[in-house]
């Protein structure tokens, strides 16, 4: 359990270091838009999937 937690902590620190090394504000804005776009796409497709499921029952 501790090993997994340490591994996760190391991954988060690596991602934070990557984020801090990006100097361009446009690149950061693009990453944020892509992140929210992927979340929105996942939510949208999940809702459509449930609509199809309801219509099949």
PDB file of N, CA and C in Angstrom:
ATOM      1  N   UNK A   1       0.832  -1.187   0.000  1.00  0.00           N
ATOM      2  CA  UNK A   1       0.000   0.000   0.000  1.00  0.00           C
ATOM      3  C   UNK A   1       0.878   1.253   0.000  1.00  0.00           C
ATOM      4  N   UNK A   2       1.894   1.253   0.842  1.00  0.00           N
ATOM      5  CA  UNK A   2       2.790   2.405   0.908  1.00  0.00           C
ATOM      6  C   UNK A   2       3.536   2.576  -0.401  1.00  0.00           C
ATOM      7  N   UNK A   3       3.912   1.464  -1.020  1.00  0.00           N
ATOM      8  CA  UNK A   3       4.630   1.522  -2.294  1.00  0.00           C
ATOM      9  C   UNK A   3       3.757   2.165  -3.366  1.00  0.00           C
ATOM     10  N   UNK A   4       2.486   1.772  -3.415  1.00  0.00           N
ATOM     11  CA  UNK A   4       1.558   2.349  -4.385  1.00  0.00           C
ATOM     12  C   UNK A   4       1.361   3.839  -4.146  1.00  0.00           C
ATOM     13  N   UNK A   5       1.254   4.225  -2.885  1.00  0.00           N
ATOM     14  CA  UNK A   5       1.089   5.630  -2.547  1.00  0.00           C
ATOM     15  C   UNK A   5       2.322   6.434  -2.950  1.00  0.00           C
ATOM     16  N   UNK A   6       3.503   5.891  -2.700  1.00  0.00           N
ATOM     17  CA  UNK A   6       4.737   6.572  -3.080  1.00  0.00           C
ATOM     18  C   UNK A   6       4.865   6.685  -4.599  1.00  0.00           C
ATOM     19  N   UNK A   7       4.430   5.653  -5.306  1.00  0.00           N
ATOM     20  CA  UNK A   7       4.463   5.684  -6.767  1.00  0.00           C
ATOM     21  C   UNK A   7       3.511   6.742  -7.312  1.00  0.00           C
ATOM     22  N   UNK A   8       2.314   6.812  -6.746  1.00  0.00           N
ATOM     23  CA  UNK A   8       1.344   7.821  -7.150  1.00  0.00           C
ATOM     24  C   UNK A   8       1.855   9.229  -6.845  1.00  0.00           C
ATOM     25  N   UNK A   9       2.463   9.393  -5.695  1.00  0.00           N
ATOM     26  CA  UNK A   9       3.015  10.685  -5.304  1.00  0.00           C
ATOM     27  C   UNK A   9       4.125  11.105  -6.268  1.00  0.00           C
ATOM     28  N   UNK A  10       4.964  10.166  -6.663  1.00  0.00           N
ATOM     29  CA  UNK A  10       6.027  10.447  -7.622  1.00  0.00           C
ATOM     30  C   UNK A  10       5.482  10.843  -8.982  1.00  0.00           C
ATOM     31  N   UNK A  11       4.417  10.172  -9.420  1.00  0.00           N
ATOM     32  CA  UNK A  11       3.786  10.514 -10.695  1.00  0.00           C
ATOM     33  C   UNK A  11       3.191  11.918 -10.658  1.00  0.00           C
ATOM     34  N   UNK A  12       2.524  12.240  -9.571  1.00  0.00           N
ATOM     35  CA  UNK A  12       1.941  13.575  -9.443  1.00  0.00           C
ATOM     36  C   UNK A  12       3.019  14.657  -9.426  1.00  0.00           C
ATOM     37  N   UNK A  13       4.121  14.386  -8.748  1.00  0.00           N
ATOM     38  CA  UNK A  13       5.226  15.350  -8.730  1.00  0.00           C
ATOM     39  C   UNK A  13       5.828  15.517 -10.113  1.00  0.00           C
ATOM     40  N   UNK A  14       5.926  14.444 -10.877  1.00  0.00           N
ATOM     41  CA  UNK A  14       6.456  14.527 -12.240  1.00  0.00           C
ATOM     42  C   UNK A  14       5.527  15.354 -13.122  1.00  0.00           C
ATOM     43  N   UNK A  15       4.216  15.154 -12.981  1.00  0.00           N
ATOM     44  CA  UNK A  15       3.260  15.931 -13.768  1.00  0.00           C
ATOM     45  C   UNK A  15       3.298  17.408 -13.382  1.00  0.00           C
ATOM     46  N   UNK A  16       3.436  17.689 -12.094  1.00  0.00           N
ATOM     47  CA  UNK A  16       3.526  19.070 -11.641  1.00  0.00           C
ATOM     48  C   UNK A  16       4.801  19.728 -12.151  1.00  0.00           C
ATOM     49  N   UNK A  17       5.899  18.999 -12.164  1.00  0.00           N
ATOM     50  CA  UNK A  17       7.155  19.516 -12.694  1.00  0.00           C
ATOM     51  C   UNK A  17       7.026  19.803 -14.184  1.00  0.00           C
ATOM     52  N   UNK A  18       6.376  18.911 -14.915  1.00  0.00           N
ATOM     53  CA  UNK A  18       6.132  19.131 -16.343  1.00  0.00           C
ATOM     54  C   UNK A  18       5.308  20.390 -16.550  1.00  0.00           C
ATOM     55  N   UNK A  19       4.257  20.557 -15.743  1.00  0.00           N
ATOM     56  CA  UNK A  19       3.381  21.721 -15.869  1.00  0.00           C
ATOM     57  C   UNK A  19       4.151  23.004 -15.577  1.00  0.00           C
ATOM     58  N   UNK A  20       4.989  22.979 -14.562  1.00  0.00           N
ATOM     59  CA  UNK A  20       5.752  24.173 -14.199  1.00  0.00           C
ATOM     60  C   UNK A  20       6.827  24.502 -15.224  1.00  0.00           C
ATOM     61  N   UNK A  21       7.284  23.532 -15.995  1.00  0.00           N
ATOM     62  CA  UNK A  21       8.309  23.778 -17.005  1.00  0.00           C
ATOM     63  C   UNK A  21       7.736  24.355 -18.294  1.00  0.00           C
ATOM     64  N   UNK A  22       6.424  24.307 -18.461  1.00  0.00           N
ATOM     65  CA  UNK A  22       5.807  24.891 -19.660  1.00  0.00           C
ATOM     66  C   UNK A  22       5.774  26.401 -19.471  1.00  0.00           C
ATOM     67  N   UNK A  23       6.449  27.110 -20.349  1.00  0.00           N
ATOM     68  CA  UNK A  23       6.535  28.563 -20.231  1.00  0.00           C
ATOM     69  C   UNK A  23       5.424  29.276 -20.988  1.00  0.00           C
ATOM     70  N   UNK A  24       4.923  28.678 -22.035  1.00  0.00           N
ATOM     71  CA  UNK A  24       3.929  29.325 -22.888  1.00  0.00           C
ATOM     72  C   UNK A  24       2.541  29.261 -22.248  1.00  0.00           C
ATOM     73  N   UNK A  25       1.924  30.425 -22.109  1.00  0.00           N
ATOM     74  CA  UNK A  25       0.568  30.465 -21.572  1.00  0.00           C
ATOM     75  C   UNK A  25      -0.425  29.875 -22.570  1.00  0.00           C
ATOM     76  N   UNK A  26      -0.118  29.997 -23.857  1.00  0.00           N
ATOM     77  CA  UNK A  26      -1.001  29.417 -24.877  1.00  0.00           C
ATOM     78  C   UNK A  26      -1.000  27.896 -24.788  1.00  0.00           C
ATOM     79  N   UNK A  27       0.157  27.302 -24.546  1.00  0.00           N
ATOM     80  CA  UNK A  27       0.234  25.844 -24.423  1.00  0.00           C
ATOM     81  C   UNK A  27      -0.521  25.372 -23.188  1.00  0.00           C
ATOM     82  N   UNK A  28      -0.393  26.113 -22.091  1.00  0.00           N
ATOM     83  CA  UNK A  28      -1.128  25.743 -20.881  1.00  0.00           C
ATOM     84  C   UNK A  28      -2.634  25.851 -21.108  1.00  0.00           C
ATOM     85  N   UNK A  29      -3.056  26.916 -21.796  1.00  0.00           N
ATOM     86  CA  UNK A  29      -4.479  27.083 -22.092  1.00  0.00           C
ATOM     87  C   UNK A  29      -4.969  25.950 -22.988  1.00  0.00           C
ATOM     88  N   UNK A  30      -4.143  25.537 -23.951  1.00  0.00           N
ATOM     89  CA  UNK A  30      -4.517  24.433 -24.828  1.00  0.00           C
ATOM     90  C   UNK A  30      -4.674  23.131 -24.047  1.00  0.00           C
ATOM     91  N   UNK A  31      -3.744  22.855 -23.127  1.00  0.00           N
ATOM     92  CA  UNK A  31      -3.848  21.654 -22.294  1.00  0.00           C
ATOM     93  C   UNK A  31      -5.120  21.675 -21.455  1.00  0.00           C
ATOM     94  N   UNK A  32      -5.454  22.829 -20.906  1.00  0.00           N
ATOM     95  CA  UNK A  32      -6.660  22.944 -20.086  1.00  0.00           C
ATOM     96  C   UNK A  32      -7.905  22.714 -20.940  1.00  0.00           C
ATOM     97  N   UNK A  33      -7.946  23.312 -22.132  1.00  0.00           N
ATOM     98  CA  UNK A  33      -9.092  23.118 -23.019  1.00  0.00           C
ATOM     99  C   UNK A  33      -9.239  21.664 -23.451  1.00  0.00           C
ATOM    100  N   UNK A  34      -8.136  21.010 -23.750  1.00  0.00           N
ATOM    101  CA  UNK A  34      -8.184  19.597 -24.138  1.00  0.00           C
ATOM    102  C   UNK A  34      -8.678  18.749 -22.972  1.00  0.00           C
ATOM    103  N   UNK A  35      -8.202  19.060 -21.765  1.00  0.00           N
ATOM    104  CA  UNK A  35      -8.621  18.320 -20.574  1.00  0.00           C
ATOM    105  C   UNK A  35     -10.133  18.428 -20.371  1.00  0.00           C
ATOM    106  N   UNK A  36     -10.652  19.654 -20.401  1.00  0.00           N
ATOM    107  CA  UNK A  36     -12.089  19.838 -20.212  1.00  0.00           C
ATOM    108  C   UNK A  36     -12.880  19.285 -21.399  1.00  0.00           C
ATOM    109  N   UNK A  37     -12.312  19.344 -22.582  1.00  0.00           N
ATOM    110  CA  UNK A  37     -12.962  18.768 -23.743  1.00  0.00           C
ATOM    111  C   UNK A  37     -13.116  17.263 -23.613  1.00  0.00           C
ATOM    112  N   UNK A  38     -12.070  16.600 -23.118  1.00  0.00           N
ATOM    113  CA  UNK A  38     -12.152  15.151 -22.931  1.00  0.00           C
ATOM    114  C   UNK A  38     -13.168  14.772 -21.866  1.00  0.00           C
ATOM    115  N   UNK A  39     -13.214  15.552 -20.797  1.00  0.00           N
ATOM    116  CA  UNK A  39     -14.206  15.288 -19.747  1.00  0.00           C
ATOM    117  C   UNK A  39     -15.612  15.509 -20.295  1.00  0.00           C
ATOM    118  N   UNK A  40     -15.800  16.598 -21.038  1.00  0.00           N
ATOM    119  CA  UNK A  40     -17.106  16.873 -21.635  1.00  0.00           C
ATOM    120  C   UNK A  40     -17.525  15.794 -22.614  1.00  0.00           C
ATOM    121  N   UNK A  41     -16.584  15.321 -23.418  1.00  0.00           N
ATOM    122  CA  UNK A  41     -16.885  14.257 -24.366  1.00  0.00           C
ATOM    123  C   UNK A  41     -17.284  12.974 -23.647  1.00  0.00           C
ATOM    124  N   UNK A  42     -16.603  12.653 -22.567  1.00  0.00           N
ATOM    125  CA  UNK A  42     -16.937  11.454 -21.801  1.00  0.00           C
ATOM    126  C   UNK A  42     -18.339  11.561 -21.201  1.00  0.00           C
ATOM    127  N   UNK A  43     -18.660  12.709 -20.640  1.00  0.00           N
ATOM    128  CA  UNK A  43     -19.988  12.904 -20.050  1.00  0.00           C
ATOM    129  C   UNK A  43     -21.055  12.841 -21.141  1.00  0.00           C
ATOM    130  N   UNK A  44     -20.805  13.511 -22.261  1.00  0.00           N
ATOM    131  CA  UNK A  44     -21.773  13.540 -23.365  1.00  0.00           C
ATOM    132  C   UNK A  44     -22.037  12.142 -23.907  1.00  0.00           C
ATOM    133  N   UNK A  45     -20.985  11.354 -24.126  1.00  0.00           N
ATOM    134  CA  UNK A  45     -21.178  10.010 -24.663  1.00  0.00           C
ATOM    135  C   UNK A  45     -21.838   9.093 -23.644  1.00  0.00           C
ATOM    136  N   UNK A  46     -21.574   9.313 -22.364  1.00  0.00           N
ATOM    137  CA  UNK A  46     -22.227   8.502 -21.338  1.00  0.00           C
ATOM    138  C   UNK A  46     -23.722   8.777 -21.320  1.00  0.00           C
ATOM    139  N   UNK A  47     -24.103  10.034 -21.444  1.00  0.00           N
ATOM    140  CA  UNK A  47     -25.529  10.377 -21.462  1.00  0.00           C
ATOM    141  C   UNK A  47     -26.199   9.758 -22.681  1.00  0.00           C
ATOM    142  N   UNK A  48     -25.548   9.830 -23.840  1.00  0.00           N
ATOM    143  CA  UNK A  48     -26.128   9.221 -25.034  1.00  0.00           C
ATOM    144  C   UNK A  48     -26.244   7.719 -24.884  1.00  0.00           C
ATOM    145  N   UNK A  49     -25.260   7.104 -24.251  1.00  0.00           N
ATOM    146  CA  UNK A  49     -25.307   5.658 -24.047  1.00  0.00           C
ATOM    147  C   UNK A  49     -26.490   5.282 -23.165  1.00  0.00           C
ATOM    148  N   UNK A  50     -26.736   6.048 -22.110  1.00  0.00           N
ATOM    149  CA  UNK A  50     -27.867   5.749 -21.245  1.00  0.00           C
ATOM    150  C   UNK A  50     -29.195   5.989 -21.961  1.00  0.00           C
ATOM    151  N   UNK A  51     -29.262   6.972 -22.844  1.00  0.00           N
ATOM    152  CA  UNK A  51     -30.489   7.182 -23.613  1.00  0.00           C
ATOM    153  C   UNK A  51     -30.774   5.982 -24.507  1.00  0.00           C
ATOM    154  N   UNK A  52     -29.735   5.460 -25.149  1.00  0.00           N
ATOM    155  CA  UNK A  52     -29.914   4.278 -25.981  1.00  0.00           C
ATOM    156  C   UNK A  52     -30.332   3.076 -25.128  1.00  0.00           C
ATOM    157  N   UNK A  53     -29.753   2.978 -23.939  1.00  0.00           N
ATOM    158  CA  UNK A  53     -30.075   1.858 -23.068  1.00  0.00           C
ATOM    159  C   UNK A  53     -31.534   1.923 -22.632  1.00  0.00           C
ATOM    160  N   UNK A  54     -32.015   3.099 -22.293  1.00  0.00           N
ATOM    161  CA  UNK A  54     -33.405   3.253 -21.871  1.00  0.00           C
ATOM    162  C   UNK A  54     -34.351   2.918 -23.025  1.00  0.00           C
ATOM    163  N   UNK A  55     -34.010   3.360 -24.238  1.00  0.00           N
ATOM    164  CA  UNK A  55     -34.904   3.095 -25.358  1.00  0.00           C
ATOM    165  C   UNK A  55     -34.920   1.601 -25.725  1.00  0.00           C
ATOM    166  N   UNK A  56     -33.870   0.874 -25.406  1.00  0.00           N
ATOM    167  CA  UNK A  56     -33.851  -0.556 -25.682  1.00  0.00           C
ATOM    168  C   UNK A  56     -34.688  -1.345 -24.695  1.00  0.00           C
ATOM    169  N   UNK A  57     -34.826  -0.842 -23.479  1.00  0.00           N
ATOM    170  CA  UNK A  57     -35.619  -1.542 -22.477  1.00  0.00           C
ATOM    171  C   UNK A  57     -37.038  -1.168 -22.628  1.00  0.00           C
TER     172      UNK A  57
END
